[in-house]
Amino acid sequence: MMRYLLLGALLGVLLLYPAALTVVVALAAAILAKPVLVAFGLGLAAGLRSPQLKRWAR
């Protein structure tokens, strides 16, 4: 639910300020250009979504 609110807020800002699109694209390109950050984000997302690993580590 929170994801959709954030996406809606981002789309609303982009509709009100079209120049903000270049800032968002530049920010996304800067993040995706760093493989370590991408790998960390994917690992964090996978860790939060798999409860089996938390039980297995005990």
N, C-alpha and C. Protein backbone atom coordinates (compact mmCIF):
# COMPACT_ATOMS: atom_id res chain seq x y z
N MET A 1 0.82 -1.19 0.00
CA MET A 1 0.00 0.00 0.00
C MET A 1 0.87 1.26 0.00
N MET A 2 1.89 1.25 0.84
CA MET A 2 2.77 2.42 0.91
C MET A 2 3.52 2.63 -0.41
N ARG A 3 3.82 1.52 -1.07
CA ARG A 3 4.51 1.61 -2.35
C ARG A 3 3.68 2.40 -3.36
N TYR A 4 2.36 2.15 -3.38
CA TYR A 4 1.49 2.85 -4.32
C TYR A 4 1.34 4.33 -3.97
N LEU A 5 1.37 4.65 -2.69
CA LEU A 5 1.32 6.05 -2.29
C LEU A 5 2.58 6.80 -2.73
N LEU A 6 3.73 6.15 -2.56
CA LEU A 6 4.98 6.78 -2.99
C LEU A 6 5.03 6.92 -4.51
N LEU A 7 4.57 5.91 -5.22
CA LEU A 7 4.54 5.99 -6.68
C LEU A 7 3.59 7.09 -7.14
N GLY A 8 2.46 7.21 -6.50
CA GLY A 8 1.51 8.27 -6.83
C GLY A 8 2.07 9.65 -6.55
N ALA A 9 2.77 9.78 -5.44
CA ALA A 9 3.39 11.07 -5.12
C ALA A 9 4.47 11.43 -6.14
N LEU A 10 5.26 10.44 -6.54
CA LEU A 10 6.29 10.69 -7.55
C LEU A 10 5.67 11.09 -8.88
N LEU A 11 4.62 10.39 -9.29
CA LEU A 11 3.95 10.74 -10.55
C LEU A 11 3.30 12.12 -10.47
N GLY A 12 2.74 12.46 -9.31
CA GLY A 12 2.15 13.79 -9.14
C GLY A 12 3.19 14.89 -9.26
N VAL A 13 4.35 14.69 -8.66
CA VAL A 13 5.42 15.68 -8.75
C VAL A 13 5.90 15.80 -10.19
N LEU A 14 6.00 14.66 -10.88
CA LEU A 14 6.45 14.70 -12.27
C LEU A 14 5.44 15.40 -13.17
N LEU A 15 4.16 15.28 -12.86
CA LEU A 15 3.15 15.99 -13.65
C LEU A 15 3.17 17.49 -13.37
N LEU A 16 3.41 17.87 -12.13
CA LEU A 16 3.44 19.29 -11.79
C LEU A 16 4.73 19.97 -12.26
N TYR A 17 5.83 19.25 -12.16
CA TYR A 17 7.14 19.80 -12.52
C TYR A 17 7.81 18.87 -13.52
N PRO A 18 7.56 19.06 -14.82
CA PRO A 18 8.15 18.16 -15.83
C PRO A 18 9.68 18.16 -15.81
N ALA A 19 10.30 19.23 -15.37
CA ALA A 19 11.76 19.27 -15.31
C ALA A 19 12.30 18.30 -14.25
N ALA A 20 11.45 17.90 -13.32
CA ALA A 20 11.89 16.96 -12.29
C ALA A 20 12.16 15.58 -12.88
N LEU A 21 11.62 15.31 -14.06
CA LEU A 21 11.86 14.03 -14.71
C LEU A 21 13.35 13.83 -14.99
N THR A 22 14.03 14.88 -15.40
CA THR A 22 15.47 14.75 -15.66
C THR A 22 16.24 14.45 -14.39
N VAL A 23 15.79 15.03 -13.28
CA VAL A 23 16.45 14.77 -12.00
C VAL A 23 16.23 13.32 -11.58
N VAL A 24 15.01 12.83 -11.75
CA VAL A 24 14.69 11.44 -11.36
C VAL A 24 15.47 10.46 -12.24
N VAL A 25 15.53 10.74 -13.54
CA VAL A 25 16.27 9.86 -14.44
C VAL A 25 17.76 9.89 -14.13
N ALA A 26 18.31 11.05 -13.84
CA ALA A 26 19.73 11.15 -13.50
C ALA A 26 20.03 10.43 -12.20
N LEU A 27 19.15 10.53 -11.24
CA LEU A 27 19.33 9.84 -9.97
C LEU A 27 19.27 8.33 -10.15
N ALA A 28 18.31 7.86 -10.93
CA ALA A 28 18.20 6.42 -11.20
C ALA A 28 19.43 5.91 -11.95
N ALA A 29 19.91 6.67 -12.91
CA ALA A 29 21.10 6.27 -13.67
C ALA A 29 22.33 6.23 -12.76
N ALA A 30 22.44 7.17 -11.85
CA ALA A 30 23.59 7.18 -10.94
C ALA A 30 23.55 5.97 -10.00
N ILE A 31 22.37 5.60 -9.55
CA ILE A 31 22.26 4.44 -8.65
C ILE A 31 22.53 3.15 -9.41
N LEU A 32 21.96 3.02 -10.62
CA LEU A 32 22.15 1.81 -11.40
C LEU A 32 23.56 1.67 -11.94
N ALA A 33 24.32 2.75 -12.00
CA ALA A 33 25.69 2.69 -12.49
C ALA A 33 26.63 2.09 -11.45
N LYS A 34 26.18 1.97 -10.22
CA LYS A 34 27.01 1.41 -9.16
C LYS A 34 26.51 0.00 -8.84
N PRO A 35 27.18 -1.03 -9.35
CA PRO A 35 26.70 -2.40 -9.16
C PRO A 35 26.65 -2.83 -7.69
N VAL A 36 27.49 -2.26 -6.86
CA VAL A 36 27.48 -2.63 -5.45
C VAL A 36 26.17 -2.20 -4.80
N LEU A 37 25.70 -1.00 -5.13
CA LEU A 37 24.43 -0.53 -4.57
C LEU A 37 23.25 -1.35 -5.07
N VAL A 38 23.29 -1.72 -6.35
CA VAL A 38 22.22 -2.53 -6.91
C VAL A 38 22.19 -3.90 -6.24
N ALA A 39 23.36 -4.53 -6.09
CA ALA A 39 23.43 -5.84 -5.44
C ALA A 39 22.99 -5.76 -3.98
N PHE A 40 23.39 -4.71 -3.28
CA PHE A 40 22.97 -4.55 -1.89
C PHE A 40 21.46 -4.38 -1.78
N GLY A 41 20.89 -3.58 -2.67
CA GLY A 41 19.44 -3.38 -2.65
C GLY A 41 18.68 -4.66 -2.96
N LEU A 42 19.14 -5.42 -3.94
CA LEU A 42 18.49 -6.69 -4.27
C LEU A 42 18.61 -7.69 -3.12
N GLY A 43 19.78 -7.73 -2.51
CA GLY A 43 19.97 -8.64 -1.38
C GLY A 43 19.11 -8.24 -0.19
N LEU A 44 18.99 -6.96 0.05
CA LEU A 44 18.15 -6.49 1.14
C LEU A 44 16.69 -6.81 0.89
N ALA A 45 16.25 -6.60 -0.34
CA ALA A 45 14.86 -6.92 -0.69
C ALA A 45 14.59 -8.41 -0.57
N ALA A 46 15.53 -9.24 -1.01
CA ALA A 46 15.35 -10.69 -0.93
C ALA A 46 15.35 -11.15 0.52
N GLY A 47 16.19 -10.55 1.34
CA GLY A 47 16.26 -10.92 2.75
C GLY A 47 14.99 -10.56 3.51
N LEU A 48 14.38 -9.45 3.14
CA LEU A 48 13.17 -9.04 3.83
C LEU A 48 11.96 -9.89 3.41
N ARG A 49 12.01 -10.47 2.22
CA ARG A 49 10.87 -11.22 1.71
C ARG A 49 10.93 -12.71 1.98
N SER A 50 12.02 -13.21 2.54
CA SER A 50 12.11 -14.66 2.75
C SER A 50 12.19 -14.98 4.25
N PRO A 51 11.07 -15.30 4.87
CA PRO A 51 11.09 -15.61 6.30
C PRO A 51 11.75 -16.95 6.61
N GLN A 52 11.91 -17.83 5.63
CA GLN A 52 12.52 -19.13 5.89
C GLN A 52 13.98 -18.98 6.33
N LEU A 53 14.68 -18.02 5.79
CA LEU A 53 16.06 -17.81 6.16
C LEU A 53 16.19 -17.39 7.62
N LYS A 54 15.25 -16.61 8.10
CA LYS A 54 15.32 -16.16 9.48
C LYS A 54 15.12 -17.33 10.45
N ARG A 55 14.21 -18.23 10.11
CA ARG A 55 13.99 -19.39 10.98
C ARG A 55 15.16 -20.36 10.88
N TRP A 56 15.77 -20.48 9.70
CA TRP A 56 16.84 -21.42 9.50
C TRP A 56 18.11 -20.99 10.25
N ALA A 57 18.30 -19.69 10.41
CA ALA A 57 19.52 -19.17 11.03
C ALA A 57 19.53 -19.37 12.55
N ARG A 58 18.42 -19.71 13.14
CA ARG A 58 18.39 -19.85 14.60
C ARG A 58 19.14 -21.05 15.07
